[in-house]
Amino acid sequence: MPAPHPSAVGSRRWIGTLAAVTAIVALSIDMSLPAQPTLARAFDVRGETAQLTLTLFLIGFACAQLVAGYLSDAWGRRRVMCGGLILFVAGGVACAVAPTIEVLLASRVIQGIGAAGAPVVARAMVRDTQPSQQAARLLSTMLAAIAIAPMIAPLVGAGLLEVVGWRGIYAALAACGVVMLAVAYGTLPETLPMERRAASVSVRGIARSYVKFLATPGTVLPMLVSCAAFAGQFGYIADSPFVLVEGYGLSEQMFGVVFGATALALMLGSIAGGRMLRAGRQPATMLRIGTVLLLAGGATVVLGTRADIGLVGFVAPMLVYFFGIGLTSPSATALAMEPCPQLAGTASAAIGFCTMTAGAFAGYQTTKLGGSSPDAFAIGAGAMAVVAAALAWRASRRPVRRITGGA
């Protein structure tokens, strides 16, 4: 399926398109955040049940990546991305017309499955065409662009919630999926030539590919760093509507502003990381620097909430925390994918699955155990920072060993 008007690989248009289609995941999560308390009231369910619209989306998204990554190694990148976006649109329409919370939750699973192709294929396209340091730099650039979505998505979601209700949010997501499908089909060239594709598609082949990736030295530790960082990040994403709106009493509009500030910190961290990589810093060094900032932000948010000094004691440390994530995540992903260049789709899917599963679990548990309590959230964020820093220290001290040959 050749692209009608392909962008040059590595060009700004190519990178921008990859960032745009990947941002569909952030939009799917962040646009719906202001509606979480409304969904609980509309369907007369508890807050943690409404939060399942986030958790189940992530579970569907995470599990589908395992299949999408392998299929992209066998069938090519573009076909998997476009097919996934079509399913994403269908899931969004089903969410918009859902009559019960059960139908809404099932539709969010479908939407999450459809969303899986975009980030898996985007990371694989970068790895198909770039060495590890350049891949980390491009992933940093993409993350910086993707971070624009969380800055504006809650504000857009709050506006839609006020004007057309929560159903309008999911209808808007379906429309975004149509636009992204057109953009991806029209601009992204295929990056995986026929001679490099997996010979056949089978359950045994899928299992063999993932075993090979996980057994390769240098893949697991950086992947776990990414998991720990995203667990802290998604704990904030899932619980912040309750902490900020119900705990600190912010309006839904002010919640969007505060949430956008943390997304800005993530973007600035990604930009800074890209510049440091361009200046010659190695991805392993970026892991150490980024997780030190995670530790600083995690420790400070624990102290700030314990001291009960108000909103600033919660938000200011989280800005540092998200800046650290912006430095850490792209390099962790690049390092985990580096040893397996011929399994880029599989590697991307394994990283995505593990990262999103960690985030889904952290988000649900943070909301269930902490609710609107800043103290409970802070302890979880601090714990994830400690885990990420310990793993990063070990990962950055191990040399990368590339493997060659087919899957």
Protein backbone atom coordinates (compact mmCIF):
# COMPACT_ATOMS: atom_id res chain seq x y z
CA MET A 1 0.00 0.00 0.00
CA PRO A 2 2.30 2.82 -1.17
CA ALA A 3 1.66 6.28 0.21
CA PRO A 4 0.25 8.67 -2.40
CA HIS A 5 2.30 11.64 -1.24
CA PRO A 6 4.92 10.38 1.20
CA SER A 7 6.94 12.68 3.41
CA ALA A 8 10.71 12.28 3.42
CA VAL A 9 11.79 10.03 6.28
CA GLY A 10 13.32 12.15 9.05
CA SER A 11 11.79 15.39 7.77
CA ARG A 12 9.83 17.74 10.00
CA ARG A 13 6.64 16.71 8.24
CA TRP A 14 7.39 13.02 8.84
CA ILE A 15 8.17 13.57 12.52
CA GLY A 16 5.14 15.83 12.92
CA THR A 17 2.85 13.23 11.38
CA LEU A 18 4.17 10.48 13.65
CA ALA A 19 3.69 12.76 16.67
CA ALA A 20 0.17 13.69 15.55
CA VAL A 21 -1.08 10.13 15.10
CA THR A 22 0.56 9.07 18.37
CA ALA A 23 -1.14 11.97 20.18
CA ILE A 24 -4.50 10.32 19.54
CA VAL A 25 -3.81 8.24 22.65
CA ALA A 26 -3.18 11.30 24.84
CA LEU A 27 -6.30 12.96 23.44
CA SER A 28 -8.36 9.86 24.22
CA ILE A 29 -7.27 9.97 27.84
CA ASP A 30 -6.95 13.68 28.59
CA MET A 31 -10.05 15.00 26.82
CA SER A 32 -12.18 12.71 28.98
CA LEU A 33 -10.54 13.66 32.29
CA PRO A 34 -12.86 16.59 33.16
CA ALA A 35 -15.85 14.29 32.60
CA GLN A 36 -14.82 11.70 35.22
CA PRO A 37 -16.87 13.15 38.10
CA THR A 38 -19.75 13.80 35.64
CA LEU A 39 -19.73 10.18 34.46
CA ALA A 40 -19.89 8.99 38.06
CA ARG A 41 -22.97 11.14 38.63
CA ALA A 42 -24.59 10.40 35.25
CA PHE A 43 -24.44 6.63 35.69
CA ASP A 44 -24.76 6.70 39.50
CA VAL A 45 -21.49 4.82 40.08
CA ARG A 46 -18.47 5.30 42.33
CA GLY A 47 -15.48 7.35 41.23
CA GLU A 48 -13.26 4.31 40.71
CA THR A 49 -15.90 2.79 38.42
CA ALA A 50 -15.97 5.93 36.29
CA GLN A 51 -12.17 5.83 36.26
CA LEU A 52 -12.39 2.43 34.55
CA THR A 53 -13.09 4.36 31.33
CA LEU A 54 -9.39 5.25 31.53
CA THR A 55 -8.07 1.97 32.90
CA LEU A 56 -9.95 -0.26 30.45
CA PHE A 57 -8.97 1.95 27.53
CA LEU A 58 -5.35 1.46 28.59
CA ILE A 59 -5.75 -2.29 29.06
CA GLY A 60 -7.24 -2.70 25.58
CA PHE A 61 -4.55 -0.43 24.21
CA ALA A 62 -1.77 -2.30 26.01
CA CYS A 63 -2.89 -5.81 25.03
CA ALA A 64 -3.57 -4.93 21.40
CA GLN A 65 -0.05 -3.59 21.04
CA LEU A 66 1.32 -7.11 21.44
CA VAL A 67 -0.49 -8.19 18.29
CA ALA A 68 -0.11 -4.90 16.42
CA GLY A 69 3.67 -4.84 16.86
CA TYR A 70 4.17 -8.34 15.50
CA LEU A 71 1.73 -7.76 12.64
CA SER A 72 3.64 -4.62 11.67
CA ASP A 73 6.82 -6.74 11.48
CA ALA A 74 4.99 -9.18 9.19
CA TRP A 75 2.61 -7.00 7.13
CA GLY A 76 4.34 -3.61 7.17
CA ARG A 77 3.86 -0.48 9.24
CA ARG A 78 1.27 1.53 7.31
CA ARG A 79 -1.35 -1.21 7.00
CA VAL A 80 -1.41 -1.81 10.77
CA MET A 81 -1.55 1.88 11.64
CA CYS A 82 -4.43 2.65 9.25
CA GLY A 83 -6.42 -0.43 10.28
CA GLY A 84 -6.09 0.51 13.92
CA LEU A 85 -7.28 4.06 13.34
CA ILE A 86 -10.41 2.76 11.57
CA LEU A 87 -11.23 0.64 14.64
CA PHE A 88 -10.51 3.64 16.89
CA VAL A 89 -13.12 5.70 15.04
CA ALA A 90 -15.70 2.92 15.41
CA GLY A 91 -15.01 2.69 19.15
CA GLY A 92 -15.37 6.45 19.56
CA VAL A 93 -18.79 6.44 17.88
CA ALA A 94 -19.91 3.58 20.14
CA CYS A 95 -18.77 5.53 23.23
CA ALA A 96 -20.73 8.60 22.14
CA VAL A 97 -24.02 6.69 21.96
CA ALA A 98 -23.47 4.32 24.93
CA PRO A 99 -26.71 3.97 26.96
CA THR A 100 -25.13 2.39 30.06
CA ILE A 101 -21.81 2.44 31.88
CA GLU A 102 -21.23 -1.18 30.83
CA VAL A 103 -21.58 -0.32 27.14
CA LEU A 104 -19.36 2.72 27.59
CA LEU A 105 -16.65 0.62 29.23
CA ALA A 106 -16.82 -2.03 26.49
CA SER A 107 -16.64 0.67 23.82
CA ARG A 108 -13.59 2.19 25.49
CA VAL A 109 -11.87 -1.19 25.27
CA ILE A 110 -12.57 -1.26 21.52
CA GLN A 111 -11.30 2.31 21.22
CA GLY A 112 -8.13 1.37 23.09
CA ILE A 113 -7.53 -1.63 20.84
CA GLY A 114 -7.86 0.60 17.79
CA ALA A 115 -5.48 3.18 19.22
CA ALA A 116 -2.71 0.58 19.67
CA GLY A 117 -1.38 0.68 16.11
CA ALA A 118 -0.38 4.35 16.05
CA PRO A 119 2.31 4.52 18.78
CA VAL A 120 3.65 1.02 18.07
CA VAL A 121 4.14 1.80 14.40
CA ALA A 122 5.47 5.30 15.08
CA ARG A 123 8.23 3.99 17.37
CA ALA A 124 8.99 1.15 14.96
CA MET A 125 9.28 3.58 12.03
CA VAL A 126 11.79 5.62 14.02
CA ARG A 127 13.78 2.50 14.91
CA ASP A 128 13.58 1.23 11.29
CA THR A 129 15.38 4.32 10.07
CA GLN A 130 17.53 5.70 12.93
CA PRO A 131 20.43 4.60 15.20
CA SER A 132 19.83 4.70 18.95
CA GLN A 133 21.09 8.21 19.81
CA GLN A 134 19.26 9.74 16.85
CA ALA A 135 16.19 7.64 17.70
CA ALA A 136 16.22 8.98 21.26
CA ARG A 137 16.47 12.54 19.93
CA LEU A 138 13.57 12.04 17.52
CA LEU A 139 11.49 10.36 20.23
CA SER A 140 12.19 13.37 22.46
CA THR A 141 11.00 15.68 19.69
CA MET A 142 7.88 13.57 19.22
CA LEU A 143 7.16 13.52 22.96
CA ALA A 144 7.51 17.30 23.08
CA ALA A 145 4.98 17.62 20.27
CA ILE A 146 2.69 15.01 21.82
CA ALA A 147 2.78 16.94 25.12
CA ILE A 148 0.79 19.71 23.44
CA ALA A 149 -2.23 17.38 23.53
CA PRO A 150 -2.42 17.18 27.35
CA MET A 151 -2.01 20.95 27.51
CA ILE A 152 -5.11 21.62 25.46
CA ALA A 153 -7.14 18.40 25.67
CA PRO A 154 -8.55 18.91 29.21
CA LEU A 155 -9.57 22.47 28.28
CA VAL A 156 -11.25 21.22 25.10
CA GLY A 157 -12.87 18.41 27.07
CA ALA A 158 -14.14 20.84 29.71
CA GLY A 159 -15.56 23.09 26.99
CA LEU A 160 -17.30 20.21 25.24
CA LEU A 161 -18.60 18.93 28.58
CA GLU A 162 -20.17 22.31 29.33
CA VAL A 163 -21.66 22.85 25.86
CA VAL A 164 -22.69 19.39 24.58
CA GLY A 165 -22.11 17.04 27.51
CA TRP A 166 -19.82 14.06 27.95
CA ARG A 167 -21.06 12.33 24.78
CA GLY A 168 -19.67 15.18 22.71
CA ILE A 169 -16.17 14.38 23.97
CA TYR A 170 -16.26 10.89 22.48
CA ALA A 171 -17.84 12.12 19.26
CA ALA A 172 -14.97 14.62 18.94
CA LEU A 173 -12.45 11.82 19.46
CA ALA A 174 -14.04 9.83 16.65
CA ALA A 175 -13.73 12.88 14.38
CA CYS A 176 -10.07 13.25 15.37
CA GLY A 177 -9.53 9.63 14.39
CA VAL A 178 -10.91 10.30 10.91
CA VAL A 179 -8.54 13.24 10.48
CA MET A 180 -5.52 11.27 11.71
CA LEU A 181 -6.36 8.38 9.39
CA ALA A 182 -6.35 10.74 6.42
CA VAL A 183 -3.07 12.33 7.55
CA ALA A 184 -1.34 8.98 8.11
CA TYR A 185 -2.49 7.49 4.81
CA GLY A 186 -1.54 10.56 2.85
CA THR A 187 1.91 11.29 4.25
CA LEU A 188 3.64 8.28 5.87
CA PRO A 189 5.76 6.06 3.61
CA GLU A 190 6.36 2.40 4.42
CA THR A 191 9.66 1.96 6.30
CA LEU A 192 9.83 -1.84 6.46
CA PRO A 193 10.86 -3.39 3.10
CA MET A 194 9.50 -6.78 2.11
CA GLU A 195 12.82 -8.55 2.59
CA ARG A 196 12.95 -7.55 6.29
CA ARG A 197 9.43 -8.71 7.19
CA ALA A 198 8.57 -11.77 9.26
CA ALA A 199 8.04 -14.80 7.06
CA SER A 200 4.60 -15.71 8.41
CA VAL A 201 2.01 -14.81 11.03
CA SER A 202 1.37 -17.40 13.73
CA VAL A 203 0.87 -17.61 17.47
CA ARG A 204 4.18 -19.46 17.75
CA GLY A 205 5.91 -16.74 15.75
CA ILE A 206 4.48 -14.03 18.00
CA ALA A 207 5.60 -15.86 21.14
CA ARG A 208 9.05 -16.54 19.71
CA SER A 209 9.57 -12.89 18.82
CA TYR A 210 8.67 -11.66 22.29
CA VAL A 211 10.79 -14.29 24.01
CA LYS A 212 13.73 -13.27 21.83
CA PHE A 213 13.26 -9.59 22.67
CA LEU A 214 12.93 -10.15 26.42
CA ALA A 215 15.88 -12.57 26.50
CA THR A 216 18.21 -10.10 24.81
CA PRO A 217 20.57 -8.37 27.27
CA GLY A 218 19.97 -4.64 27.56
CA THR A 219 16.25 -4.61 26.77
CA VAL A 220 14.43 -5.28 30.03
CA LEU A 221 15.97 -2.77 32.45
CA PRO A 222 15.40 0.34 30.28
CA MET A 223 11.87 -0.90 29.59
CA LEU A 224 11.22 -1.17 33.33
CA VAL A 225 12.51 2.38 33.81
CA SER A 226 9.89 3.51 31.30
CA CYS A 227 7.24 1.48 33.16
CA ALA A 228 8.04 3.04 36.54
CA ALA A 229 8.12 6.57 35.11
CA PHE A 230 4.80 6.10 33.33
CA ALA A 231 3.21 4.55 36.41
CA GLY A 232 3.89 7.78 38.29
CA GLN A 233 2.75 9.83 35.30
CA PHE A 234 -0.53 7.97 34.81
CA GLY A 235 -1.21 7.88 38.54
CA TYR A 236 -1.31 11.66 38.27
CA ILE A 237 -3.36 11.62 35.06
CA ALA A 238 -6.01 9.32 36.56
CA ASP A 239 -6.20 10.77 40.07
CA SER A 240 -5.63 14.48 39.40
CA PRO A 241 -9.30 15.20 38.54
CA PHE A 242 -10.28 13.99 41.99
CA VAL A 243 -7.32 15.50 43.87
CA LEU A 244 -7.50 18.88 42.17
CA VAL A 245 -11.28 19.26 41.74
CA GLU A 246 -12.54 17.52 44.86
CA GLY A 247 -9.46 17.73 47.11
CA TYR A 248 -8.32 21.29 46.37
CA GLY A 249 -11.68 22.60 45.12
CA LEU A 250 -10.60 23.74 41.64
CA SER A 251 -13.17 24.34 38.92
CA GLU A 252 -13.13 22.07 35.89
CA GLN A 253 -11.69 24.95 33.85
CA MET A 254 -8.90 25.63 36.37
CA PHE A 255 -8.18 21.93 36.47
CA GLY A 256 -7.51 22.12 32.73
CA VAL A 257 -5.07 24.99 33.30
CA VAL A 258 -3.16 23.18 36.06
CA PHE A 259 -3.11 19.92 34.13
CA GLY A 260 -1.85 21.80 31.08
CA ALA A 261 1.02 23.20 33.17
CA THR A 262 2.28 19.71 33.99
CA ALA A 263 2.00 18.78 30.31
CA LEU A 264 4.06 21.87 29.49
CA ALA A 265 6.72 20.67 31.95
CA LEU A 266 6.75 17.31 30.15
CA MET A 267 7.17 19.07 26.82
CA LEU A 268 9.99 21.28 28.11
CA GLY A 269 11.75 18.23 29.54
CA SER A 270 11.49 16.50 26.18
CA ILE A 271 12.84 19.54 24.35
CA ALA A 272 15.72 19.85 26.81
CA GLY A 273 16.46 16.14 26.46
CA GLY A 274 16.51 16.38 22.68
CA ARG A 275 18.97 19.28 22.80
CA MET A 276 21.21 17.45 25.26
CA LEU A 277 21.23 14.37 23.02
CA ARG A 278 22.00 16.53 20.00
CA ALA A 279 24.90 18.04 21.95
CA GLY A 280 26.39 14.58 22.47
CA ARG A 281 24.90 13.28 25.71
CA GLN A 282 24.25 9.54 25.61
CA PRO A 283 20.81 8.04 26.31
CA ALA A 284 22.20 6.26 29.38
CA THR A 285 23.27 9.61 30.81
CA MET A 286 19.79 10.99 30.19
CA LEU A 287 18.33 8.17 32.27
CA ARG A 288 20.42 9.19 35.26
CA ILE A 289 19.68 12.90 34.93
CA GLY A 290 15.97 12.40 34.36
CA THR A 291 15.42 10.03 37.26
CA VAL A 292 17.29 12.33 39.65
CA LEU A 293 14.66 14.95 38.81
CA LEU A 294 11.94 12.34 39.32
CA LEU A 295 13.35 11.68 42.78
CA ALA A 296 13.48 15.38 43.58
CA GLY A 297 9.90 15.92 42.45
CA GLY A 298 8.63 12.79 44.23
CA ALA A 299 10.31 13.65 47.53
CA THR A 300 9.13 17.26 47.38
CA VAL A 301 5.49 16.40 46.67
CA VAL A 302 5.48 14.07 49.68
CA LEU A 303 6.88 16.84 51.88
CA GLY A 304 4.62 19.51 50.39
CA THR A 305 1.41 17.55 50.90
CA ARG A 306 2.43 16.40 54.37
CA ALA A 307 3.16 20.00 55.37
CA ASP A 308 -0.31 20.96 54.04
CA ILE A 309 0.91 24.14 52.36
CA GLY A 310 -1.84 24.11 49.78
CA LEU A 311 -2.01 23.77 46.02
CA VAL A 312 1.52 25.03 45.38
CA GLY A 313 2.95 22.22 47.52
CA PHE A 314 1.31 19.74 45.18
CA VAL A 315 1.65 21.36 41.75
CA ALA A 316 5.21 22.75 41.92
CA PRO A 317 6.84 19.35 42.69
CA MET A 318 4.78 17.73 39.94
CA LEU A 319 6.21 20.20 37.43
CA VAL A 320 9.70 18.96 38.35
CA TYR A 321 8.46 15.36 38.22
CA PHE A 322 7.03 15.73 34.71
CA PHE A 323 10.14 17.55 33.49
CA GLY A 324 12.12 14.52 34.66
CA ILE A 325 9.78 12.17 32.79
CA GLY A 326 10.39 14.21 29.62
CA LEU A 327 14.12 13.60 29.99
CA THR A 328 13.81 9.93 30.93
CA SER A 329 11.16 8.23 28.77
CA PRO A 330 12.50 8.77 25.21
CA SER A 331 15.99 7.57 26.10
CA ALA A 332 14.64 4.59 28.04
CA THR A 333 12.57 3.57 25.01
CA ALA A 334 15.49 4.02 22.59
CA LEU A 335 17.83 1.99 24.80
CA ALA A 336 15.31 -0.84 25.16
CA MET A 337 14.81 -1.04 21.37
CA GLU A 338 18.48 -0.67 20.42
CA PRO A 339 19.60 -4.32 20.84
CA CYS A 340 16.87 -5.66 18.49
CA PRO A 341 16.80 -3.59 15.29
CA GLN A 342 15.21 -6.40 13.26
CA LEU A 343 12.33 -6.72 15.76
CA ALA A 344 11.40 -3.05 15.96
CA GLY A 345 7.65 -3.64 15.88
CA THR A 346 7.81 -6.40 18.47
CA ALA A 347 10.12 -4.35 20.70
CA SER A 348 7.90 -1.29 20.42
CA ALA A 349 4.83 -3.37 21.28
CA ALA A 350 6.47 -5.04 24.28
CA ILE A 351 7.55 -1.68 25.67
CA GLY A 352 4.12 -0.21 25.04
CA PHE A 353 2.30 -3.15 26.61
CA CYS A 354 4.39 -3.20 29.77
CA THR A 355 4.37 0.58 30.13
CA MET A 356 0.63 0.94 29.65
CA THR A 357 -0.15 -2.01 31.90
CA ALA A 358 1.92 -0.42 34.64
CA GLY A 359 0.12 2.88 34.07
CA ALA A 360 -3.35 1.30 34.08
CA PHE A 361 -2.64 -0.53 37.34
CA ALA A 362 -1.13 2.55 38.96
CA GLY A 363 -3.99 4.78 37.84
CA TYR A 364 -6.69 2.46 39.17
CA GLN A 365 -4.95 1.76 42.47
CA THR A 366 -4.09 5.42 43.05
CA THR A 367 -7.71 6.45 42.51
CA LYS A 368 -9.11 3.53 44.52
CA LEU A 369 -6.79 3.88 47.51
CA GLY A 370 -6.20 7.62 47.48
CA GLY A 371 -9.34 9.13 46.02
CA SER A 372 -9.11 12.89 46.45
CA SER A 373 -6.31 12.71 49.03
CA PRO A 374 -3.10 14.50 47.92
CA ASP A 375 -1.12 12.61 50.59
CA ALA A 376 -1.96 9.17 49.21
CA PHE A 377 -1.14 10.22 45.65
CA ALA A 378 2.18 11.75 46.73
CA ILE A 379 3.35 8.53 48.38
CA GLY A 380 2.65 6.57 45.19
CA ALA A 381 4.44 9.11 42.98
CA GLY A 382 7.45 9.15 45.30
CA ALA A 383 7.63 5.34 45.33
CA MET A 384 7.62 5.17 41.53
CA ALA A 385 10.41 7.75 41.38
CA VAL A 386 12.57 5.63 43.71
CA VAL A 387 11.96 2.51 41.59
CA ALA A 388 12.73 4.35 38.33
CA ALA A 389 15.95 5.82 39.71
CA ALA A 390 17.20 2.47 41.00
CA LEU A 391 16.48 0.74 37.70
CA ALA A 392 18.02 3.59 35.68
CA TRP A 393 21.25 3.38 37.69
CA ARG A 394 21.55 -0.32 36.85
CA ALA A 395 20.48 0.07 33.21
CA SER A 396 22.92 2.89 32.51
CA ARG A 397 25.86 0.78 33.69
CA ARG A 398 25.21 -2.13 31.30
CA PRO A 399 26.60 -2.13 27.76
CA VAL A 400 24.20 -2.59 24.83
CA ARG A 401 24.58 -5.79 22.78
CA ARG A 402 22.89 -5.77 19.38
CA ILE A 403 21.51 -8.98 17.92
CA THR A 404 21.24 -9.64 14.22
CA GLY A 405 19.28 -12.03 12.05
CA GLY A 406 15.60 -12.64 11.59
CA ALA A 407 12.93 -13.33 14.13
